[in-house]
């Protein structure tokens, strides 16, 4: 299982701890440090569409209107903190966020 996020993100840390307590072997892929591997941002955008961008983030608010209207995948590559976090990849599924639905799906 791979958790894509930021090592300093509270939600990512909570998810990581909960998943490890449940017995999962989880690898944290820190997007700020490691970036997106080839095709990963496209794959996430294909799976989640516009939900993938965190438009309430400080990073988003700092972007110009022109930047905000640009290609979402290019924005994610340039500004990994724009991604709603975490994206959790299991063998057969991608999960976005750490809300009740994702927690039920992975921790039950």
PDB file of N, CA and C in Angstrom:
ATOM      1  N   UNK A   1       0.858  -1.173   0.000  1.00  0.00           N
ATOM      2  CA  UNK A   1       0.000   0.000   0.000  1.00  0.00           C
ATOM      3  C   UNK A   1       0.903   1.235   0.000  1.00  0.00           C
ATOM      4  N   UNK A   2       0.507   2.209  -0.798  1.00  0.00           N
ATOM      5  CA  UNK A   2       1.273   3.452  -0.869  1.00  0.00           C
ATOM      6  C   UNK A   2       0.351   4.604  -0.498  1.00  0.00           C
ATOM      7  N   UNK A   3       0.817   5.449   0.393  1.00  0.00           N
ATOM      8  CA  UNK A   3       0.096   6.645   0.791  1.00  0.00           C
ATOM      9  C   UNK A   3       0.831   7.831   0.174  1.00  0.00           C
ATOM     10  N   UNK A   4       0.178   8.489  -0.772  1.00  0.00           N
ATOM     11  CA  UNK A   4       0.743   9.667  -1.419  1.00  0.00           C
ATOM     12  C   UNK A   4       0.265  10.898  -0.674  1.00  0.00           C
ATOM     13  N   UNK A   5       1.192  11.705  -0.211  1.00  0.00           N
ATOM     14  CA  UNK A   5       0.833  12.905   0.528  1.00  0.00           C
ATOM     15  C   UNK A   5       2.072  13.696   0.879  1.00  0.00           C
ATOM     16  N   UNK A   6       1.986  14.377   2.003  1.00  0.00           N
ATOM     17  CA  UNK A   6       3.105  15.175   2.502  1.00  0.00           C
ATOM     18  C   UNK A   6       3.429  14.706   3.911  1.00  0.00           C
ATOM     19  N   UNK A   7       4.711  14.563   4.222  1.00  0.00           N
ATOM     20  CA  UNK A   7       5.084  14.031   5.529  1.00  0.00           C
ATOM     21  C   UNK A   7       4.646  14.939   6.675  1.00  0.00           C
ATOM     22  N   UNK A   8       4.475  16.240   6.410  1.00  0.00           N
ATOM     23  CA  UNK A   8       4.060  17.169   7.458  1.00  0.00           C
ATOM     24  C   UNK A   8       2.545  17.370   7.528  1.00  0.00           C
ATOM     25  N   UNK A   9       1.793  16.686   6.719  1.00  0.00           N
ATOM     26  CA  UNK A   9       0.338  16.821   6.683  1.00  0.00           C
ATOM     27  C   UNK A   9      -0.277  16.007   7.830  1.00  0.00           C
ATOM     28  N   UNK A  10      -1.054  16.671   8.681  1.00  0.00           N
ATOM     29  CA  UNK A  10      -1.681  15.988   9.817  1.00  0.00           C
ATOM     30  C   UNK A  10      -2.589  14.847   9.375  1.00  0.00           C
ATOM     31  N   UNK A  11      -3.371  15.067   8.328  1.00  0.00           N
ATOM     32  CA  UNK A  11      -4.283  14.030   7.851  1.00  0.00           C
ATOM     33  C   UNK A  11      -3.505  12.824   7.334  1.00  0.00           C
ATOM     34  N   UNK A  12      -2.423  13.065   6.631  1.00  0.00           N
ATOM     35  CA  UNK A  12      -1.597  11.963   6.130  1.00  0.00           C
ATOM     36  C   UNK A  12      -0.997  11.171   7.284  1.00  0.00           C
ATOM     37  N   UNK A  13      -0.531  11.870   8.301  1.00  0.00           N
ATOM     38  CA  UNK A  13       0.045  11.186   9.475  1.00  0.00           C
ATOM     39  C   UNK A  13      -1.008  10.352  10.192  1.00  0.00           C
ATOM     40  N   UNK A  14      -2.222  10.900  10.366  1.00  0.00           N
ATOM     41  CA  UNK A  14      -3.306  10.145  11.014  1.00  0.00           C
ATOM     42  C   UNK A  14      -3.632   8.888  10.226  1.00  0.00           C
ATOM     43  N   UNK A  15      -3.732   9.024   8.907  1.00  0.00           N
ATOM     44  CA  UNK A  15      -4.042   7.874   8.065  1.00  0.00           C
ATOM     45  C   UNK A  15      -2.938   6.825   8.161  1.00  0.00           C
ATOM     46  N   UNK A  16      -1.704   7.256   8.090  1.00  0.00           N
ATOM     47  CA  UNK A  16      -0.561   6.348   8.156  1.00  0.00           C
ATOM     48  C   UNK A  16      -0.554   5.567   9.469  1.00  0.00           C
ATOM     49  N   UNK A  17      -0.755   6.268  10.570  1.00  0.00           N
ATOM     50  CA  UNK A  17      -0.771   5.612  11.888  1.00  0.00           C
ATOM     51  C   UNK A  17      -1.913   4.603  11.981  1.00  0.00           C
ATOM     52  N   UNK A  18      -3.111   5.001  11.551  1.00  0.00           N
ATOM     53  CA  UNK A  18      -4.272   4.113  11.632  1.00  0.00           C
ATOM     54  C   UNK A  18      -4.082   2.869  10.767  1.00  0.00           C
ATOM     55  N   UNK A  19      -3.552   3.047   9.576  1.00  0.00           N
ATOM     56  CA  UNK A  19      -3.353   1.907   8.677  1.00  0.00           C
ATOM     57  C   UNK A  19      -2.289   0.954   9.218  1.00  0.00           C
ATOM     58  N   UNK A  20      -1.200   1.515   9.761  1.00  0.00           N
ATOM     59  CA  UNK A  20      -0.154   0.662  10.331  1.00  0.00           C
ATOM     60  C   UNK A  20      -0.660  -0.084  11.563  1.00  0.00           C
ATOM     61  N   UNK A  21      -1.468   0.578  12.394  1.00  0.00           N
ATOM     62  CA  UNK A  21      -2.055  -0.093  13.561  1.00  0.00           C
ATOM     63  C   UNK A  21      -2.951  -1.249  13.141  1.00  0.00           C
ATOM     64  N   UNK A  22      -3.571  -1.108  11.981  1.00  0.00           N
ATOM     65  CA  UNK A  22      -4.464  -2.141  11.453  1.00  0.00           C
ATOM     66  C   UNK A  22      -3.677  -3.277  10.809  1.00  0.00           C
ATOM     67  N   UNK A  23      -2.358  -3.133  10.738  1.00  0.00           N
ATOM     68  CA  UNK A  23      -1.519  -4.208  10.224  1.00  0.00           C
ATOM     69  C   UNK A  23      -1.076  -4.053   8.784  1.00  0.00           C
ATOM     70  N   UNK A  24      -1.423  -2.956   8.156  1.00  0.00           N
ATOM     71  CA  UNK A  24      -0.981  -2.732   6.780  1.00  0.00           C
ATOM     72  C   UNK A  24       0.480  -2.322   6.755  1.00  0.00           C
ATOM     73  N   UNK A  25       1.158  -2.740   5.711  1.00  0.00           N
ATOM     74  CA  UNK A  25       2.504  -2.263   5.439  1.00  0.00           C
ATOM     75  C   UNK A  25       2.334  -1.093   4.471  1.00  0.00           C
ATOM     76  N   UNK A  26       2.641   0.111   4.953  1.00  0.00           N
ATOM     77  CA  UNK A  26       2.366   1.323   4.181  1.00  0.00           C
ATOM     78  C   UNK A  26       3.669   2.061   3.909  1.00  0.00           C
ATOM     79  N   UNK A  27       3.815   2.472   2.651  1.00  0.00           N
ATOM     80  CA  UNK A  27       4.964   3.300   2.277  1.00  0.00           C
ATOM     81  C   UNK A  27       4.449   4.710   2.014  1.00  0.00           C
ATOM     82  N   UNK A  28       5.034   5.692   2.686  1.00  0.00           N
ATOM     83  CA  UNK A  28       4.679   7.087   2.463  1.00  0.00           C
ATOM     84  C   UNK A  28       5.486   7.617   1.291  1.00  0.00           C
ATOM     85  N   UNK A  29       4.779   8.112   0.286  1.00  0.00           N
ATOM     86  CA  UNK A  29       5.426   8.766  -0.853  1.00  0.00           C
ATOM     87  C   UNK A  29       5.198  10.263  -0.660  1.00  0.00           C
ATOM     88  N   UNK A  30       6.229  10.957  -0.209  1.00  0.00           N
ATOM     89  CA  UNK A  30       6.131  12.392   0.060  1.00  0.00           C
ATOM     90  C   UNK A  30       6.241  13.145  -1.261  1.00  0.00           C
ATOM     91  N   UNK A  31       5.122  13.715  -1.689  1.00  0.00           N
ATOM     92  CA  UNK A  31       5.082  14.377  -2.993  1.00  0.00           C
ATOM     93  C   UNK A  31       5.948  15.621  -3.058  1.00  0.00           C
ATOM     94  N   UNK A  32       6.117  16.291  -1.959  1.00  0.00           N
ATOM     95  CA  UNK A  32       6.961  17.494  -1.964  1.00  0.00           C
ATOM     96  C   UNK A  32       8.428  17.091  -2.165  1.00  0.00           C
ATOM     97  N   UNK A  33       8.839  16.016  -1.551  1.00  0.00           N
ATOM     98  CA  UNK A  33      10.230  15.558  -1.657  1.00  0.00           C
ATOM     99  C   UNK A  33      10.465  14.732  -2.921  1.00  0.00           C
ATOM    100  N   UNK A  34       9.547  13.808  -3.217  1.00  0.00           N
ATOM    101  CA  UNK A  34       9.756  12.835  -4.287  1.00  0.00           C
ATOM    102  C   UNK A  34       9.044  13.181  -5.595  1.00  0.00           C
ATOM    103  N   UNK A  35       8.090  14.106  -5.546  1.00  0.00           N
ATOM    104  CA  UNK A  35       7.332  14.453  -6.745  1.00  0.00           C
ATOM    105  C   UNK A  35       6.438  13.314  -7.202  1.00  0.00           C
ATOM    106  N   UNK A  36       5.889  13.488  -8.377  1.00  0.00           N
ATOM    107  CA  UNK A  36       5.029  12.467  -8.981  1.00  0.00           C
ATOM    108  C   UNK A  36       5.856  11.626  -9.934  1.00  0.00           C
ATOM    109  N   UNK A  37       5.766  10.318  -9.804  1.00  0.00           N
ATOM    110  CA  UNK A  37       6.400   9.434 -10.776  1.00  0.00           C
ATOM    111  C   UNK A  37       5.677   9.600 -12.111  1.00  0.00           C
ATOM    112  N   UNK A  38       6.335   9.226 -13.193  1.00  0.00           N
ATOM    113  CA  UNK A  38       5.765   9.384 -14.539  1.00  0.00           C
ATOM    114  C   UNK A  38       4.357   8.778 -14.614  1.00  0.00           C
ATOM    115  N   UNK A  39       3.396   9.586 -14.995  1.00  0.00           N
ATOM    116  CA  UNK A  39       2.025   9.121 -15.187  1.00  0.00           C
ATOM    117  C   UNK A  39       1.155   9.092 -13.948  1.00  0.00           C
ATOM    118  N   UNK A  40       1.739   9.259 -12.773  1.00  0.00           N
ATOM    119  CA  UNK A  40       0.965   9.156 -11.533  1.00  0.00           C
ATOM    120  C   UNK A  40      -0.053  10.279 -11.408  1.00  0.00           C
ATOM    121  N   UNK A  41       0.334  11.513 -11.647  1.00  0.00           N
ATOM    122  CA  UNK A  41      -0.597  12.637 -11.540  1.00  0.00           C
ATOM    123  C   UNK A  41      -1.738  12.475 -12.540  1.00  0.00           C
ATOM    124  N   UNK A  42      -1.422  12.014 -13.752  1.00  0.00           N
ATOM    125  CA  UNK A  42      -2.464  11.765 -14.758  1.00  0.00           C
ATOM    126  C   UNK A  42      -3.428  10.684 -14.287  1.00  0.00           C
ATOM    127  N   UNK A  43      -2.890   9.616 -13.734  1.00  0.00           N
ATOM    128  CA  UNK A  43      -3.715   8.503 -13.255  1.00  0.00           C
ATOM    129  C   UNK A  43      -4.643   8.956 -12.131  1.00  0.00           C
ATOM    130  N   UNK A  44      -4.101   9.750 -11.201  1.00  0.00           N
ATOM    131  CA  UNK A  44      -4.930  10.267 -10.107  1.00  0.00           C
ATOM    132  C   UNK A  44      -6.021  11.188 -10.653  1.00  0.00           C
ATOM    133  N   UNK A  45      -5.654  12.043 -11.599  1.00  0.00           N
ATOM    134  CA  UNK A  45      -6.645  12.964 -12.172  1.00  0.00           C
ATOM    135  C   UNK A  45      -7.711  12.183 -12.939  1.00  0.00           C
ATOM    136  N   UNK A  46      -7.328  11.136 -13.642  1.00  0.00           N
ATOM    137  CA  UNK A  46      -8.305  10.296 -14.341  1.00  0.00           C
ATOM    138  C   UNK A  46      -9.280   9.656 -13.359  1.00  0.00           C
ATOM    139  N   UNK A  47      -8.775   9.261 -12.203  1.00  0.00           N
ATOM    140  CA  UNK A  47      -9.619   8.594 -11.206  1.00  0.00           C
ATOM    141  C   UNK A  47     -10.533   9.554 -10.457  1.00  0.00           C
ATOM    142  N   UNK A  48     -10.044  10.751 -10.138  1.00  0.00           N
ATOM    143  CA  UNK A  48     -10.788  11.643  -9.245  1.00  0.00           C
ATOM    144  C   UNK A  48     -11.233  12.955  -9.882  1.00  0.00           C
ATOM    145  N   UNK A  49     -10.709  13.287 -11.034  1.00  0.00           N
ATOM    146  CA  UNK A  49     -11.097  14.526 -11.702  1.00  0.00           C
ATOM    147  C   UNK A  49     -10.767  15.747 -10.851  1.00  0.00           C
ATOM    148  N   UNK A  50     -11.668  16.705 -10.884  1.00  0.00           N
ATOM    149  CA  UNK A  50     -11.451  17.985 -10.194  1.00  0.00           C
ATOM    150  C   UNK A  50     -11.400  17.847  -8.666  1.00  0.00           C
ATOM    151  N   UNK A  51     -11.938  16.750  -8.126  1.00  0.00           N
ATOM    152  CA  UNK A  51     -11.887  16.538  -6.670  1.00  0.00           C
ATOM    153  C   UNK A  51     -10.464  16.423  -6.157  1.00  0.00           C
ATOM    154  N   UNK A  52      -9.535  16.115  -7.055  1.00  0.00           N
ATOM    155  CA  UNK A  52      -8.137  15.926  -6.661  1.00  0.00           C
ATOM    156  C   UNK A  52      -7.474  17.226  -6.232  1.00  0.00           C
ATOM    157  N   UNK A  53      -7.926  18.361  -6.769  1.00  0.00           N
ATOM    158  CA  UNK A  53      -7.335  19.655  -6.418  1.00  0.00           C
ATOM    159  C   UNK A  53      -7.988  20.223  -5.162  1.00  0.00           C
ATOM    160  N   UNK A  54      -7.165  20.639  -4.228  1.00  0.00           N
ATOM    161  CA  UNK A  54      -7.652  21.263  -3.003  1.00  0.00           C
ATOM    162  C   UNK A  54      -7.725  22.773  -3.227  1.00  0.00           C
ATOM    163  N   UNK A  55      -8.911  23.209  -3.613  1.00  0.00           N
ATOM    164  CA  UNK A  55      -9.105  24.625  -3.923  1.00  0.00           C
ATOM    165  C   UNK A  55      -9.273  25.495  -2.674  1.00  0.00           C
ATOM    166  N   UNK A  56      -9.243  24.903  -1.508  1.00  0.00           N
ATOM    167  CA  UNK A  56      -9.327  25.680  -0.265  1.00  0.00           C
ATOM    168  C   UNK A  56      -7.959  25.887   0.366  1.00  0.00           C
ATOM    169  N   UNK A  57      -6.927  25.382  -0.271  1.00  0.00           N
ATOM    170  CA  UNK A  57      -5.591  25.441   0.323  1.00  0.00           C
ATOM    171  C   UNK A  57      -4.957  26.815   0.162  1.00  0.00           C
ATOM    172  N   UNK A  58      -3.996  27.080   1.026  1.00  0.00           N
ATOM    173  CA  UNK A  58      -3.213  28.307   0.935  1.00  0.00           C
ATOM    174  C   UNK A  58      -2.472  28.366  -0.398  1.00  0.00           C
ATOM    175  N   UNK A  59      -1.959  27.238  -0.835  1.00  0.00           N
ATOM    176  CA  UNK A  59      -1.243  27.199  -2.106  1.00  0.00           C
ATOM    177  C   UNK A  59      -2.148  27.644  -3.249  1.00  0.00           C
ATOM    178  N   UNK A  60      -3.381  27.169  -3.267  1.00  0.00           N
ATOM    179  CA  UNK A  60      -4.335  27.547  -4.312  1.00  0.00           C
ATOM    180  C   UNK A  60      -4.598  29.049  -4.298  1.00  0.00           C
ATOM    181  N   UNK A  61      -4.817  29.596  -3.108  1.00  0.00           N
ATOM    182  CA  UNK A  61      -5.137  31.015  -2.990  1.00  0.00           C
ATOM    183  C   UNK A  61      -3.966  31.905  -3.426  1.00  0.00           C
ATOM    184  N   UNK A  62      -2.753  31.393  -3.353  1.00  0.00           N
ATOM    185  CA  UNK A  62      -1.580  32.167  -3.758  1.00  0.00           C
ATOM    186  C   UNK A  62      -1.369  32.164  -5.273  1.00  0.00           C
ATOM    187  N   UNK A  63      -2.054  31.286  -5.991  1.00  0.00           N
ATOM    188  CA  UNK A  63      -1.899  31.212  -7.439  1.00  0.00           C
ATOM    189  C   UNK A  63      -2.662  32.340  -8.116  1.00  0.00           C
ATOM    190  N   UNK A  64      -2.150  32.789  -9.242  1.00  0.00           N
ATOM    191  CA  UNK A  64      -2.864  33.793 -10.032  1.00  0.00           C
ATOM    192  C   UNK A  64      -4.082  33.138 -10.685  1.00  0.00           C
ATOM    193  N   UNK A  65      -4.997  33.938 -11.159  1.00  0.00           N
ATOM    194  CA  UNK A  65      -6.184  33.431 -11.845  1.00  0.00           C
ATOM    195  C   UNK A  65      -5.782  32.634 -13.081  1.00  0.00           C
ATOM    196  N   UNK A  66      -4.764  33.116 -13.786  1.00  0.00           N
ATOM    197  CA  UNK A  66      -4.268  32.389 -14.963  1.00  0.00           C
ATOM    198  C   UNK A  66      -3.738  31.010 -14.578  1.00  0.00           C
ATOM    199  N   UNK A  67      -2.975  30.955 -13.493  1.00  0.00           N
ATOM    200  CA  UNK A  67      -2.441  29.665 -13.039  1.00  0.00           C
ATOM    201  C   UNK A  67      -3.577  28.736 -12.616  1.00  0.00           C
ATOM    202  N   UNK A  68      -4.555  29.263 -11.898  1.00  0.00           N
ATOM    203  CA  UNK A  68      -5.675  28.446 -11.433  1.00  0.00           C
ATOM    204  C   UNK A  68      -6.471  27.847 -12.590  1.00  0.00           C
ATOM    205  N   UNK A  69      -6.500  28.539 -13.715  1.00  0.00           N
ATOM    206  CA  UNK A  69      -7.264  28.039 -14.859  1.00  0.00           C
ATOM    207  C   UNK A  69      -6.432  27.138 -15.771  1.00  0.00           C
ATOM    208  N   UNK A  70      -5.204  26.867 -15.394  1.00  0.00           N
ATOM    209  CA  UNK A  70      -4.316  26.035 -16.211  1.00  0.00           C
ATOM    210  C   UNK A  70      -4.629  24.554 -16.090  1.00  0.00           C
ATOM    211  N   UNK A  71      -3.815  23.777 -16.740  1.00  0.00           N
ATOM    212  CA  UNK A  71      -3.947  22.318 -16.731  1.00  0.00           C
ATOM    213  C   UNK A  71      -3.782  21.793 -15.302  1.00  0.00           C
ATOM    214  N   UNK A  72      -4.795  21.078 -14.772  1.00  0.00           N
ATOM    215  CA  UNK A  72      -4.711  20.614 -13.383  1.00  0.00           C
ATOM    216  C   UNK A  72      -3.543  19.672 -13.119  1.00  0.00           C
ATOM    217  N   UNK A  73      -3.217  18.831 -14.063  1.00  0.00           N
ATOM    218  CA  UNK A  73      -2.104  17.891 -13.860  1.00  0.00           C
ATOM    219  C   UNK A  73      -0.780  18.639 -13.803  1.00  0.00           C
ATOM    220  N   UNK A  74      -0.608  19.627 -14.665  1.00  0.00           N
ATOM    221  CA  UNK A  74       0.614  20.445 -14.628  1.00  0.00           C
ATOM    222  C   UNK A  74       0.702  21.214 -13.314  1.00  0.00           C
ATOM    223  N   UNK A  75      -0.441  21.707 -12.833  1.00  0.00           N
ATOM    224  CA  UNK A  75      -0.460  22.398 -11.531  1.00  0.00           C
ATOM    225  C   UNK A  75      -0.017  21.476 -10.413  1.00  0.00           C
ATOM    226  N   UNK A  76      -0.506  20.249 -10.417  1.00  0.00           N
ATOM    227  CA  UNK A  76      -0.123  19.282  -9.377  1.00  0.00           C
ATOM    228  C   UNK A  76       1.370  18.977  -9.418  1.00  0.00           C
ATOM    229  N   UNK A  77       1.898  18.844 -10.603  1.00  0.00           N
ATOM    230  CA  UNK A  77       3.340  18.573 -10.716  1.00  0.00           C
ATOM    231  C   UNK A  77       4.162  19.745 -10.194  1.00  0.00           C
ATOM    232  N   UNK A  78       3.696  20.961 -10.467  1.00  0.00           N
ATOM    233  CA  UNK A  78       4.423  22.154 -10.026  1.00  0.00           C
ATOM    234  C   UNK A  78       4.208  22.462  -8.552  1.00  0.00           C
ATOM    235  N   UNK A  79       3.030  22.136  -8.052  1.00  0.00           N
ATOM    236  CA  UNK A  79       2.641  22.464  -6.674  1.00  0.00           C
ATOM    237  C   UNK A  79       1.982  21.238  -6.028  1.00  0.00           C
ATOM    238  N   UNK A  80       2.774  20.258  -5.581  1.00  0.00           N
ATOM    239  CA  UNK A  80       2.204  19.029  -5.016  1.00  0.00           C
ATOM    240  C   UNK A  80       1.267  19.269  -3.831  1.00  0.00           C
ATOM    241  N   UNK A  81       1.444  20.369  -3.117  1.00  0.00           N
ATOM    242  CA  UNK A  81       0.574  20.659  -1.969  1.00  0.00           C
ATOM    243  C   UNK A  81      -0.858  20.969  -2.396  1.00  0.00           C
ATOM    244  N   UNK A  82      -1.104  21.139  -3.693  1.00  0.00           N
ATOM    245  CA  UNK A  82      -2.464  21.374  -4.185  1.00  0.00           C
ATOM    246  C   UNK A  82      -3.323  20.120  -4.173  1.00  0.00           C
ATOM    247  N   UNK A  83      -2.694  18.965  -4.070  1.00  0.00           N
ATOM    248  CA  UNK A  83      -3.457  17.719  -4.104  1.00  0.00           C
ATOM    249  C   UNK A  83      -4.199  17.512  -2.793  1.00  0.00           C
ATOM    250  N   UNK A  84      -5.471  17.148  -2.907  1.00  0.00           N
ATOM    251  CA  UNK A  84      -6.207  16.748  -1.711  1.00  0.00           C
ATOM    252  C   UNK A  84      -5.525  15.486  -1.206  1.00  0.00           C
ATOM    253  N   UNK A  85      -5.334  15.420   0.109  1.00  0.00           N
ATOM    254  CA  UNK A  85      -4.533  14.335   0.663  1.00  0.00           C
ATOM    255  C   UNK A  85      -5.291  13.547   1.714  1.00  0.00           C
ATOM    256  N   UNK A  86      -4.824  12.314   1.848  1.00  0.00           N
ATOM    257  CA  UNK A  86      -3.891  11.558   1.018  1.00  0.00           C
ATOM    258  C   UNK A  86      -4.607  10.870  -0.141  1.00  0.00           C
ATOM    259  N   UNK A  87      -3.830  10.384  -1.076  1.00  0.00           N
ATOM    260  CA  UNK A  87      -4.308   9.394  -2.032  1.00  0.00           C
ATOM    261  C   UNK A  87      -3.665   8.091  -1.587  1.00  0.00           C
ATOM    262  N   UNK A  88      -4.492   7.099  -1.343  1.00  0.00           N
ATOM    263  CA  UNK A  88      -4.003   5.806  -0.855  1.00  0.00           C
ATOM    264  C   UNK A  88      -4.232   4.785  -1.962  1.00  0.00           C
ATOM    265  N   UNK A  89      -3.139   4.134  -2.340  1.00  0.00           N
ATOM    266  CA  UNK A  89      -3.219   3.143  -3.404  1.00  0.00           C
ATOM    267  C   UNK A  89      -3.055   1.744  -2.824  1.00  0.00           C
ATOM    268  N   UNK A  90      -4.091   0.931  -3.017  1.00  0.00           N
ATOM    269  CA  UNK A  90      -4.014  -0.481  -2.658  1.00  0.00           C
ATOM    270  C   UNK A  90      -3.777  -1.255  -3.951  1.00  0.00           C
ATOM    271  N   UNK A  91      -3.771  -2.550  -3.883  1.00  0.00           N
ATOM    272  CA  UNK A  91      -3.521  -3.351  -5.083  1.00  0.00           C
ATOM    273  C   UNK A  91      -4.532  -3.065  -6.198  1.00  0.00           C
ATOM    274  N   UNK A  92      -5.770  -2.815  -5.819  1.00  0.00           N
ATOM    275  CA  UNK A  92      -6.808  -2.732  -6.836  1.00  0.00           C
ATOM    276  C   UNK A  92      -7.626  -1.444  -6.834  1.00  0.00           C
ATOM    277  N   UNK A  93      -7.251  -0.467  -5.990  1.00  0.00           N
ATOM    278  CA  UNK A  93      -8.111   0.706  -5.871  1.00  0.00           C
ATOM    279  C   UNK A  93      -7.320   1.924  -5.404  1.00  0.00           C
ATOM    280  N   UNK A  94      -7.809   3.098  -5.804  1.00  0.00           N
ATOM    281  CA  UNK A  94      -7.288   4.369  -5.300  1.00  0.00           C
ATOM    282  C   UNK A  94      -8.337   4.993  -4.400  1.00  0.00           C
ATOM    283  N   UNK A  95      -7.899   5.543  -3.282  1.00  0.00           N
ATOM    284  CA  UNK A  95      -8.787   6.217  -2.332  1.00  0.00           C
ATOM    285  C   UNK A  95      -8.319   7.652  -2.183  1.00  0.00           C
ATOM    286  N   UNK A  96      -9.270   8.585  -2.133  1.00  0.00           N
ATOM    287  CA  UNK A  96      -8.934   9.998  -1.990  1.00  0.00           C
ATOM    288  C   UNK A  96      -9.409  10.508  -0.637  1.00  0.00           C
ATOM    289  N   UNK A  97      -8.486  11.095   0.112  1.00  0.00           N
ATOM    290  CA  UNK A  97      -8.816  11.672   1.414  1.00  0.00           C
ATOM    291  C   UNK A  97      -8.786  10.631   2.519  1.00  0.00           C
ATOM    292  N   UNK A  98      -9.196  11.079   3.706  1.00  0.00           N
ATOM    293  CA  UNK A  98      -9.228  10.198   4.879  1.00  0.00           C
ATOM    294  C   UNK A  98     -10.554  10.404   5.608  1.00  0.00           C
ATOM    295  N   UNK A  99     -11.610  10.475   4.847  1.00  0.00           N
ATOM    296  CA  UNK A  99     -12.944  10.649   5.415  1.00  0.00           C
ATOM    297  C   UNK A  99     -13.517   9.329   5.896  1.00  0.00           C
ATOM    298  N   UNK A 100     -14.722   9.383   6.462  1.00  0.00           N
ATOM    299  CA  UNK A 100     -15.351   8.169   7.008  1.00  0.00           C
ATOM    300  C   UNK A 100     -15.491   7.029   6.011  1.00  0.00           C
ATOM    301  N   UNK A 101     -15.815   7.348   4.768  1.00  0.00           N
ATOM    302  CA  UNK A 101     -15.989   6.284   3.762  1.00  0.00           C
ATOM    303  C   UNK A 101     -14.678   5.539   3.498  1.00  0.00           C
ATOM    304  N   UNK A 102     -13.596   6.298   3.369  1.00  0.00           N
ATOM    305  CA  UNK A 102     -12.286   5.682   3.121  1.00  0.00           C
ATOM    306  C   UNK A 102     -11.851   4.885   4.354  1.00  0.00           C
ATOM    307  N   UNK A 103     -12.054   5.453   5.535  1.00  0.00           N
ATOM    308  CA  UNK A 103     -11.677   4.746   6.762  1.00  0.00           C
ATOM    309  C   UNK A 103     -12.447   3.444   6.896  1.00  0.00           C
ATOM    310  N   UNK A 104     -13.742   3.461   6.622  1.00  0.00           N
ATOM    311  CA  UNK A 104     -14.548   2.244   6.703  1.00  0.00           C
ATOM    312  C   UNK A 104     -14.051   1.225   5.699  1.00  0.00           C
ATOM    313  N   UNK A 105     -13.777   1.659   4.492  1.00  0.00           N
ATOM    314  CA  UNK A 105     -13.323   0.757   3.435  1.00  0.00           C
ATOM    315  C   UNK A 105     -11.994   0.099   3.797  1.00  0.00           C
ATOM    316  N   UNK A 106     -11.077   0.846   4.382  1.00  0.00           N
ATOM    317  CA  UNK A 106      -9.735   0.307   4.631  1.00  0.00           C
ATOM    318  C   UNK A 106      -9.538  -0.289   6.025  1.00  0.00           C
ATOM    319  N   UNK A 107     -10.313   0.155   6.982  1.00  0.00           N
ATOM    320  CA  UNK A 107     -10.083  -0.316   8.355  1.00  0.00           C
ATOM    321  C   UNK A 107     -11.073  -1.381   8.834  1.00  0.00           C
ATOM    322  N   UNK A 108     -12.085  -1.667   8.044  1.00  0.00           N
ATOM    323  CA  UNK A 108     -13.089  -2.675   8.449  1.00  0.00           C
ATOM    324  C   UNK A 108     -12.657  -4.063   8.095  1.00  0.00           C
TER     325      UNK A 108
END
